[in-house]
Amino acid sequence: MAYRDGEANALRATTADGTLALAIAPDHVALTVGAKTLQLNRSYATLIEQGRKRTAQASLSREGKLWVARGVPREDLGVWIELPDGVRRIFGVAAQTAMTDEAVAALPRLDAIAGRLRSALANLGGWTGRGVEIGHEHPLDKVLLAEVGDEHRIYARALFRDRAKLVATIHRGGRVVTADGEVVVTSRFQITVWGDYLRFSDQTGTDRTRASIPWIAREERHELARRIGHLLDPS
């Protein structure tokens, strides 16, 4: 998809937040929905919001990792960036939820935008990966399950913080590491949900470590546990 004037060559999808447009140029990528635009180049992610009286703009360094994440269960699309003090969701749209012909047709277009966005960012340079975001309320409260090479990381927002922190790392082979300790998990039955926590036990059923996952609903916390269990125990 060649980029010339931005609008004429944009790939579009209808979302709950309006029409999302992805435009790709040789040296940058732009995502636009409504009055908000995210521009990404090799070095920076720039957030632009058109107001009635003025335009707000802020740039973040792309020195860290970047993830293009899809939401569960509604197939939302989010862009997350790694900063020195955590990760932040810097752009996102919600998929349409009404069961209409338009909504059904919009999902493949949103899938196409996610795929083209990952490909374009990889061509720009810098580290870009896949992620799954869980949580359907405020964007700050979403949890990110991020792929990083052979491991997966869980990022969740702590109380009184505006960005998510690393709370658990799931390594190939089943080693799970949190701030409380580590354990080797070989079965999905070693992962349970208790209150706001994911608990990880050893093969005898004794809890060895846990990760706090606040803000999201209980059923969403169970979905996160299910996905981790599938990573560690695909059978």
C-alpha atoms as a PDB file:
ATOM      1  CA  MET A   1       0.000   0.000   0.000  1.00  0.00           C
ATOM      2  CA  ALA A   2       1.836   3.087  -1.211  1.00  0.00           C
ATOM      3  CA  TYR A   3       1.472   6.277   0.783  1.00  0.00           C
ATOM      4  CA  ARG A   4       0.988   9.535  -1.084  1.00  0.00           C
ATOM      5  CA  ASP A   5      -1.482  11.957   0.424  1.00  0.00           C
ATOM      6  CA  GLY A   6      -2.346  10.060   3.612  1.00  0.00           C
ATOM      7  CA  GLU A   7      -6.129   9.992   3.180  1.00  0.00           C
ATOM      8  CA  ALA A   8      -6.506   8.509  -0.291  1.00  0.00           C
ATOM      9  CA  ASN A   9      -4.295   5.512   0.445  1.00  0.00           C
ATOM     10  CA  ALA A  10      -5.280   4.743   4.032  1.00  0.00           C
ATOM     11  CA  LEU A  11      -6.527   1.323   5.076  1.00  0.00           C
ATOM     12  CA  ARG A  12      -9.742   1.795   7.057  1.00  0.00           C
ATOM     13  CA  ALA A  13     -11.937  -0.073   9.526  1.00  0.00           C
ATOM     14  CA  THR A  14     -15.101   0.951  11.315  1.00  0.00           C
ATOM     15  CA  THR A  15     -14.780   0.783  15.110  1.00  0.00           C
ATOM     16  CA  ALA A  16     -16.871   1.744  18.117  1.00  0.00           C
ATOM     17  CA  ASP A  17     -14.763   4.927  18.334  1.00  0.00           C
ATOM     18  CA  GLY A  18     -15.228   5.927  14.701  1.00  0.00           C
ATOM     19  CA  THR A  19     -13.405   5.139  11.482  1.00  0.00           C
ATOM     20  CA  LEU A  20      -9.819   4.011  12.073  1.00  0.00           C
ATOM     21  CA  ALA A  21      -7.360   4.828   9.273  1.00  0.00           C
ATOM     22  CA  LEU A  22      -3.849   3.444   8.862  1.00  0.00           C
ATOM     23  CA  ALA A  23      -1.528   5.296   6.469  1.00  0.00           C
ATOM     24  CA  ILE A  24       1.971   4.048   5.693  1.00  0.00           C
ATOM     25  CA  ALA A  25       4.817   6.158   4.328  1.00  0.00           C
ATOM     26  CA  PRO A  26       8.447   5.156   3.752  1.00  0.00           C
ATOM     27  CA  ASP A  27       9.600   6.865   6.951  1.00  0.00           C
ATOM     28  CA  HIS A  28       6.554   6.804   9.237  1.00  0.00           C
ATOM     29  CA  VAL A  29       3.178   5.248  10.021  1.00  0.00           C
ATOM     30  CA  ALA A  30       0.027   7.083  11.115  1.00  0.00           C
ATOM     31  CA  LEU A  31      -3.073   5.775  12.894  1.00  0.00           C
ATOM     32  CA  THR A  32      -6.044   8.149  13.057  1.00  0.00           C
ATOM     33  CA  VAL A  33      -9.468   7.890  14.660  1.00  0.00           C
ATOM     34  CA  GLY A  34     -11.614  10.959  15.214  1.00  0.00           C
ATOM     35  CA  ALA A  35      -9.478  13.841  16.461  1.00  0.00           C
ATOM     36  CA  LYS A  36      -6.620  11.570  17.595  1.00  0.00           C
ATOM     37  CA  THR A  37      -3.559  10.547  15.588  1.00  0.00           C
ATOM     38  CA  LEU A  38      -0.580   8.407  16.510  1.00  0.00           C
ATOM     39  CA  GLN A  39       2.472   8.915  14.291  1.00  0.00           C
ATOM     40  CA  LEU A  40       5.328   6.434  14.558  1.00  0.00           C
ATOM     41  CA  ASN A  41       8.754   6.688  12.987  1.00  0.00           C
ATOM     42  CA  ARG A  42      12.069   5.010  13.715  1.00  0.00           C
ATOM     43  CA  SER A  43      12.778   7.153  16.779  1.00  0.00           C
ATOM     44  CA  TYR A  44       9.508   8.534  18.196  1.00  0.00           C
ATOM     45  CA  ALA A  45       5.847   7.898  18.848  1.00  0.00           C
ATOM     46  CA  THR A  46       3.947  11.178  18.590  1.00  0.00           C
ATOM     47  CA  LEU A  47       0.416  11.625  19.928  1.00  0.00           C
ATOM     48  CA  ILE A  48      -1.636  14.391  18.312  1.00  0.00           C
ATOM     49  CA  GLU A  49      -5.127  15.479  19.364  1.00  0.00           C
ATOM     50  CA  GLN A  50      -7.005  18.143  17.456  1.00  0.00           C
ATOM     51  CA  GLY A  51      -9.009  20.399  19.756  1.00  0.00           C
ATOM     52  CA  ARG A  52     -11.446  23.158  18.912  1.00  0.00           C
ATOM     53  CA  LYS A  53      -8.993  25.886  19.808  1.00  0.00           C
ATOM     54  CA  ARG A  54      -5.608  24.222  19.706  1.00  0.00           C
ATOM     55  CA  THR A  55      -3.753  21.026  18.879  1.00  0.00           C
ATOM     56  CA  ALA A  56      -2.074  19.028  21.645  1.00  0.00           C
ATOM     57  CA  GLN A  57       1.046  17.074  20.759  1.00  0.00           C
ATOM     58  CA  ALA A  58       3.411  14.890  22.774  1.00  0.00           C
ATOM     59  CA  SER A  59       6.305  12.682  21.671  1.00  0.00           C
ATOM     60  CA  LEU A  60       7.742   9.592  23.340  1.00  0.00           C
ATOM     61  CA  SER A  61      11.068   7.967  22.533  1.00  0.00           C
ATOM     62  CA  ARG A  62      10.927   4.572  20.817  1.00  0.00           C
ATOM     63  CA  GLU A  63      14.065   3.331  22.559  1.00  0.00           C
ATOM     64  CA  GLY A  64      12.039   0.604  24.249  1.00  0.00           C
ATOM     65  CA  LYS A  65       9.778  -2.129  22.924  1.00  0.00           C
ATOM     66  CA  LEU A  66       6.484  -1.609  21.124  1.00  0.00           C
ATOM     67  CA  TRP A  67       3.532  -4.001  21.026  1.00  0.00           C
ATOM     68  CA  VAL A  68       0.509  -4.153  18.766  1.00  0.00           C
ATOM     69  CA  ALA A  69      -2.109  -5.896  20.909  1.00  0.00           C
ATOM     70  CA  ARG A  70      -5.568  -7.303  20.299  1.00  0.00           C
ATOM     71  CA  GLY A  71      -8.188  -7.282  23.008  1.00  0.00           C
ATOM     72  CA  VAL A  72     -10.029 -10.163  24.637  1.00  0.00           C
ATOM     73  CA  PRO A  73     -12.856 -10.882  24.169  1.00  0.00           C
ATOM     74  CA  ARG A  74     -13.949  -7.960  21.951  1.00  0.00           C
ATOM     75  CA  GLU A  75     -10.993  -7.811  19.515  1.00  0.00           C
ATOM     76  CA  ASP A  76     -10.020  -4.237  20.418  1.00  0.00           C
ATOM     77  CA  LEU A  77      -6.751  -2.876  19.016  1.00  0.00           C
ATOM     78  CA  GLY A  78      -4.126  -1.223  21.230  1.00  0.00           C
ATOM     79  CA  VAL A  79      -0.579   0.079  20.813  1.00  0.00           C
ATOM     80  CA  TRP A  80       1.677  -0.203  23.883  1.00  0.00           C
ATOM     81  CA  ILE A  81       5.119   1.322  24.361  1.00  0.00           C
ATOM     82  CA  GLU A  82       7.856   0.446  26.845  1.00  0.00           C
ATOM     83  CA  LEU A  83       9.081   3.412  28.894  1.00  0.00           C
ATOM     84  CA  PRO A  84      11.796   3.583  31.572  1.00  0.00           C
ATOM     85  CA  ASP A  85       9.201   3.202  34.358  1.00  0.00           C
ATOM     86  CA  GLY A  86       6.784   0.731  32.817  1.00  0.00           C
ATOM     87  CA  VAL A  87       4.612   0.270  29.737  1.00  0.00           C
ATOM     88  CA  ARG A  88       1.823   2.516  28.529  1.00  0.00           C
ATOM     89  CA  ARG A  89      -1.101   2.060  26.154  1.00  0.00           C
ATOM     90  CA  ILE A  90      -0.674   5.085  23.907  1.00  0.00           C
ATOM     91  CA  PHE A  91      -3.413   4.432  21.345  1.00  0.00           C
ATOM     92  CA  GLY A  92      -6.427   2.200  21.085  1.00  0.00           C
ATOM     93  CA  VAL A  93      -9.839   1.620  19.580  1.00  0.00           C
ATOM     94  CA  ALA A  94     -12.729  -0.621  20.587  1.00  0.00           C
ATOM     95  CA  ALA A  95     -14.193  -3.026  18.076  1.00  0.00           C
ATOM     96  CA  GLN A  96     -17.875  -2.773  17.261  1.00  0.00           C
ATOM     97  CA  THR A  97     -19.944  -5.061  19.478  1.00  0.00           C
ATOM     98  CA  ALA A  98     -23.386  -4.851  17.847  1.00  0.00           C
ATOM     99  CA  MET A  99     -24.239  -7.955  15.827  1.00  0.00           C
ATOM    100  CA  THR A 100     -24.875  -6.161  12.556  1.00  0.00           C
ATOM    101  CA  ASP A 101     -23.618  -6.868   9.042  1.00  0.00           C
ATOM    102  CA  GLU A 102     -21.445  -3.759   9.276  1.00  0.00           C
ATOM    103  CA  ALA A 103     -19.866  -4.888  12.549  1.00  0.00           C
ATOM    104  CA  VAL A 104     -19.164  -8.388  11.238  1.00  0.00           C
ATOM    105  CA  ALA A 105     -17.584  -6.967   8.069  1.00  0.00           C
ATOM    106  CA  ALA A 106     -15.457  -4.520  10.099  1.00  0.00           C
ATOM    107  CA  LEU A 107     -13.548  -7.182  12.079  1.00  0.00           C
ATOM    108  CA  PRO A 108     -11.522  -8.548   9.123  1.00  0.00           C
ATOM    109  CA  ARG A 109     -10.593  -4.960   8.247  1.00  0.00           C
ATOM    110  CA  LEU A 110      -9.429  -4.356  11.818  1.00  0.00           C
ATOM    111  CA  ASP A 111      -7.423  -7.608  11.611  1.00  0.00           C
ATOM    112  CA  ALA A 112      -5.852  -6.376   8.381  1.00  0.00           C
ATOM    113  CA  ILE A 113      -4.888  -3.062   9.970  1.00  0.00           C
ATOM    114  CA  ALA A 114      -3.249  -4.860  12.921  1.00  0.00           C
ATOM    115  CA  GLY A 115      -1.223  -7.069  10.584  1.00  0.00           C
ATOM    116  CA  ARG A 116      -0.151  -4.232   8.294  1.00  0.00           C
ATOM    117  CA  LEU A 117       0.738  -2.081  11.299  1.00  0.00           C
ATOM    118  CA  ARG A 118       3.074  -4.751  12.728  1.00  0.00           C
ATOM    119  CA  SER A 119       4.690  -5.251   9.331  1.00  0.00           C
ATOM    120  CA  ALA A 120       5.156  -1.522   8.734  1.00  0.00           C
ATOM    121  CA  LEU A 121       6.651  -0.952  12.176  1.00  0.00           C
ATOM    122  CA  ALA A 122       9.083  -3.829  11.661  1.00  0.00           C
ATOM    123  CA  ASN A 123      10.207  -2.186   8.421  1.00  0.00           C
ATOM    124  CA  LEU A 124      10.746   1.116  10.228  1.00  0.00           C
ATOM    125  CA  GLY A 125      13.148  -0.500  12.693  1.00  0.00           C
ATOM    126  CA  GLY A 126      13.051  -0.847  16.434  1.00  0.00           C
ATOM    127  CA  TRP A 127      11.540  -3.735  18.412  1.00  0.00           C
ATOM    128  CA  THR A 128       7.884  -4.553  17.697  1.00  0.00           C
ATOM    129  CA  GLY A 129       5.974  -7.550  19.015  1.00  0.00           C
ATOM    130  CA  ARG A 130       2.522  -9.013  19.566  1.00  0.00           C
ATOM    131  CA  GLY A 131       0.402  -8.792  22.669  1.00  0.00           C
ATOM    132  CA  VAL A 132      -3.010  -9.554  24.109  1.00  0.00           C
ATOM    133  CA  GLU A 133      -4.783  -6.942  26.218  1.00  0.00           C
ATOM    134  CA  ILE A 134      -7.405  -7.993  28.734  1.00  0.00           C
ATOM    135  CA  GLY A 135      -9.963  -5.671  30.323  1.00  0.00           C
ATOM    136  CA  HIS A 136     -12.902  -3.777  28.860  1.00  0.00           C
ATOM    137  CA  GLU A 137     -13.233  -0.728  31.085  1.00  0.00           C
ATOM    138  CA  HIS A 138     -10.815   2.239  31.300  1.00  0.00           C
ATOM    139  CA  PRO A 139      -7.787   1.884  28.972  1.00  0.00           C
ATOM    140  CA  LEU A 140      -5.412   2.484  31.901  1.00  0.00           C
ATOM    141  CA  ASP A 141      -6.802  -0.585  33.648  1.00  0.00           C
ATOM    142  CA  LYS A 142      -6.114  -3.039  30.835  1.00  0.00           C
ATOM    143  CA  VAL A 143      -3.597  -5.823  31.430  1.00  0.00           C
ATOM    144  CA  LEU A 144      -1.020  -6.641  28.740  1.00  0.00           C
ATOM    145  CA  LEU A 145       0.172 -10.194  28.067  1.00  0.00           C
ATOM    146  CA  ALA A 146       3.157  -9.474  25.832  1.00  0.00           C
ATOM    147  CA  GLU A 147       5.387 -11.702  23.716  1.00  0.00           C
ATOM    148  CA  VAL A 148       9.110 -11.013  24.165  1.00  0.00           C
ATOM    149  CA  GLY A 149      11.187 -13.597  22.315  1.00  0.00           C
ATOM    150  CA  ASP A 150      10.768 -16.987  24.003  1.00  0.00           C
ATOM    151  CA  GLU A 151       8.981 -15.576  27.022  1.00  0.00           C
ATOM    152  CA  HIS A 152       5.722 -13.834  27.870  1.00  0.00           C
ATOM    153  CA  ARG A 153       5.359 -10.933  30.256  1.00  0.00           C
ATOM    154  CA  ILE A 154       2.349  -9.705  32.207  1.00  0.00           C
ATOM    155  CA  TYR A 155       2.051  -5.963  32.780  1.00  0.00           C
ATOM    156  CA  ALA A 156      -0.604  -4.538  35.117  1.00  0.00           C
ATOM    157  CA  ARG A 157      -1.181  -1.113  36.619  1.00  0.00           C
ATOM    158  CA  ALA A 158      -0.493  -0.676  40.324  1.00  0.00           C
ATOM    159  CA  LEU A 159      -2.496   1.621  42.605  1.00  0.00           C
ATOM    160  CA  PHE A 160      -1.840   5.354  42.044  1.00  0.00           C
ATOM    161  CA  ARG A 161       0.159   4.706  38.857  1.00  0.00           C
ATOM    162  CA  ASP A 162      -0.684   5.779  35.305  1.00  0.00           C
ATOM    163  CA  ARG A 163       1.202   2.999  33.557  1.00  0.00           C
ATOM    164  CA  ALA A 164       1.572  -0.739  33.865  1.00  0.00           C
ATOM    165  CA  LYS A 165       4.447  -2.525  35.585  1.00  0.00           C
ATOM    166  CA  LEU A 166       5.917  -5.962  34.998  1.00  0.00           C
ATOM    167  CA  VAL A 167       4.252  -8.344  37.472  1.00  0.00           C
ATOM    168  CA  ALA A 168       5.158 -11.778  36.070  1.00  0.00           C
ATOM    169  CA  THR A 169       7.376 -13.407  33.462  1.00  0.00           C
ATOM    170  CA  ILE A 170       6.520 -16.786  31.928  1.00  0.00           C
ATOM    171  CA  HIS A 171       9.577 -18.512  30.495  1.00  0.00           C
ATOM    172  CA  ARG A 172       9.759 -21.343  28.006  1.00  0.00           C
ATOM    173  CA  GLY A 173       9.906 -24.581  29.952  1.00  0.00           C
ATOM    174  CA  GLY A 174       7.357 -23.391  32.508  1.00  0.00           C
ATOM    175  CA  ARG A 175       9.381 -21.199  34.863  1.00  0.00           C
ATOM    176  CA  VAL A 176       7.177 -18.416  36.238  1.00  0.00           C
ATOM    177  CA  VAL A 177       8.862 -15.490  37.990  1.00  0.00           C
ATOM    178  CA  THR A 178       7.103 -12.800  40.050  1.00  0.00           C
ATOM    179  CA  ALA A 179       8.215 -10.345  42.726  1.00  0.00           C
ATOM    180  CA  ASP A 180       7.230 -12.981  45.339  1.00  0.00           C
ATOM    181  CA  GLY A 181       9.377 -15.787  43.942  1.00  0.00           C
ATOM    182  CA  GLU A 182       9.370 -18.375  41.178  1.00  0.00           C
ATOM    183  CA  VAL A 183       8.088 -21.853  40.393  1.00  0.00           C
ATOM    184  CA  VAL A 184       8.070 -24.283  37.471  1.00  0.00           C
ATOM    185  CA  VAL A 185       4.555 -24.782  36.106  1.00  0.00           C
ATOM    186  CA  THR A 186       3.894 -27.799  33.901  1.00  0.00           C
ATOM    187  CA  SER A 187       0.101 -28.024  34.182  1.00  0.00           C
ATOM    188  CA  ARG A 188      -2.693 -25.505  33.806  1.00  0.00           C
ATOM    189  CA  PHE A 189      -4.056 -26.791  37.099  1.00  0.00           C
ATOM    190  CA  GLN A 190      -1.108 -25.136  38.863  1.00  0.00           C
ATOM    191  CA  ILE A 191      -2.583 -21.710  38.033  1.00  0.00           C
ATOM    192  CA  THR A 192      -5.545 -20.477  40.069  1.00  0.00           C
ATOM    193  CA  VAL A 193      -7.360 -17.201  40.707  1.00  0.00           C
ATOM    194  CA  TRP A 194      -7.876 -15.970  44.251  1.00  0.00           C
ATOM    195  CA  GLY A 195      -9.263 -12.462  44.679  1.00  0.00           C
ATOM    196  CA  ASP A 196      -7.074 -10.053  42.711  1.00  0.00           C
ATOM    197  CA  TYR A 197      -4.244 -12.573  42.440  1.00  0.00           C
ATOM    198  CA  LEU A 198      -3.034 -15.188  40.021  1.00  0.00           C
ATOM    199  CA  ARG A 199      -1.498 -17.937  42.153  1.00  0.00           C
ATOM    200  CA  PHE A 200       1.096 -20.399  40.885  1.00  0.00           C
ATOM    201  CA  SER A 201       1.677 -23.674  42.726  1.00  0.00           C
ATOM    202  CA  ASP A 202       4.206 -26.467  42.448  1.00  0.00           C
ATOM    203  CA  GLN A 203       3.341 -30.014  41.382  1.00  0.00           C
ATOM    204  CA  THR A 204       2.207 -30.893  44.923  1.00  0.00           C
ATOM    205  CA  GLY A 205      -0.411 -28.114  44.862  1.00  0.00           C
ATOM    206  CA  THR A 206       1.476 -25.842  47.281  1.00  0.00           C
ATOM    207  CA  ASP A 207       1.305 -22.162  46.345  1.00  0.00           C
ATOM    208  CA  ARG A 208       4.800 -20.846  45.620  1.00  0.00           C
ATOM    209  CA  THR A 209       4.264 -17.387  44.155  1.00  0.00           C
ATOM    210  CA  ARG A 210       1.556 -15.006  43.041  1.00  0.00           C
ATOM    211  CA  ALA A 211       0.965 -11.904  40.917  1.00  0.00           C
ATOM    212  CA  SER A 212      -1.458  -9.089  41.711  1.00  0.00           C
ATOM    213  CA  ILE A 213      -3.795  -8.327  38.793  1.00  0.00           C
ATOM    214  CA  PRO A 214      -6.164  -5.583  40.016  1.00  0.00           C
ATOM    215  CA  TRP A 215      -8.752  -3.502  38.125  1.00  0.00           C
ATOM    216  CA  ILE A 216     -10.016  -6.114  35.677  1.00  0.00           C
ATOM    217  CA  ALA A 217     -13.135  -8.220  36.280  1.00  0.00           C
ATOM    218  CA  ARG A 218     -12.967 -11.681  37.833  1.00  0.00           C
ATOM    219  CA  GLU A 219     -13.929 -13.405  34.574  1.00  0.00           C
ATOM    220  CA  GLU A 220     -11.166 -11.478  32.792  1.00  0.00           C
ATOM    221  CA  ARG A 221      -8.658 -12.626  35.401  1.00  0.00           C
ATOM    222  CA  HIS A 222      -9.789 -16.205  34.757  1.00  0.00           C
ATOM    223  CA  GLU A 223      -9.293 -15.647  31.025  1.00  0.00           C
ATOM    224  CA  LEU A 224      -5.737 -14.454  31.686  1.00  0.00           C
ATOM    225  CA  ALA A 225      -5.075 -17.570  33.785  1.00  0.00           C
ATOM    226  CA  ARG A 226      -6.516 -19.755  31.009  1.00  0.00           C
ATOM    227  CA  ARG A 227      -4.237 -18.191  28.398  1.00  0.00           C
ATOM    228  CA  ILE A 228      -1.153 -18.617  30.569  1.00  0.00           C
ATOM    229  CA  GLY A 229      -2.165 -22.218  31.211  1.00  0.00           C
ATOM    230  CA  HIS A 230      -2.438 -22.828  27.479  1.00  0.00           C
ATOM    231  CA  LEU A 231       1.049 -21.394  26.928  1.00  0.00           C
ATOM    232  CA  LEU A 232       2.520 -23.734  29.523  1.00  0.00           C
ATOM    233  CA  ASP A 233       0.298 -26.769  28.986  1.00  0.00           C
ATOM    234  CA  PRO A 234      -1.098 -26.802  25.416  1.00  0.00           C
ATOM    235  CA  SER A 235      -2.533 -30.288  25.881  1.00  0.00           C
END
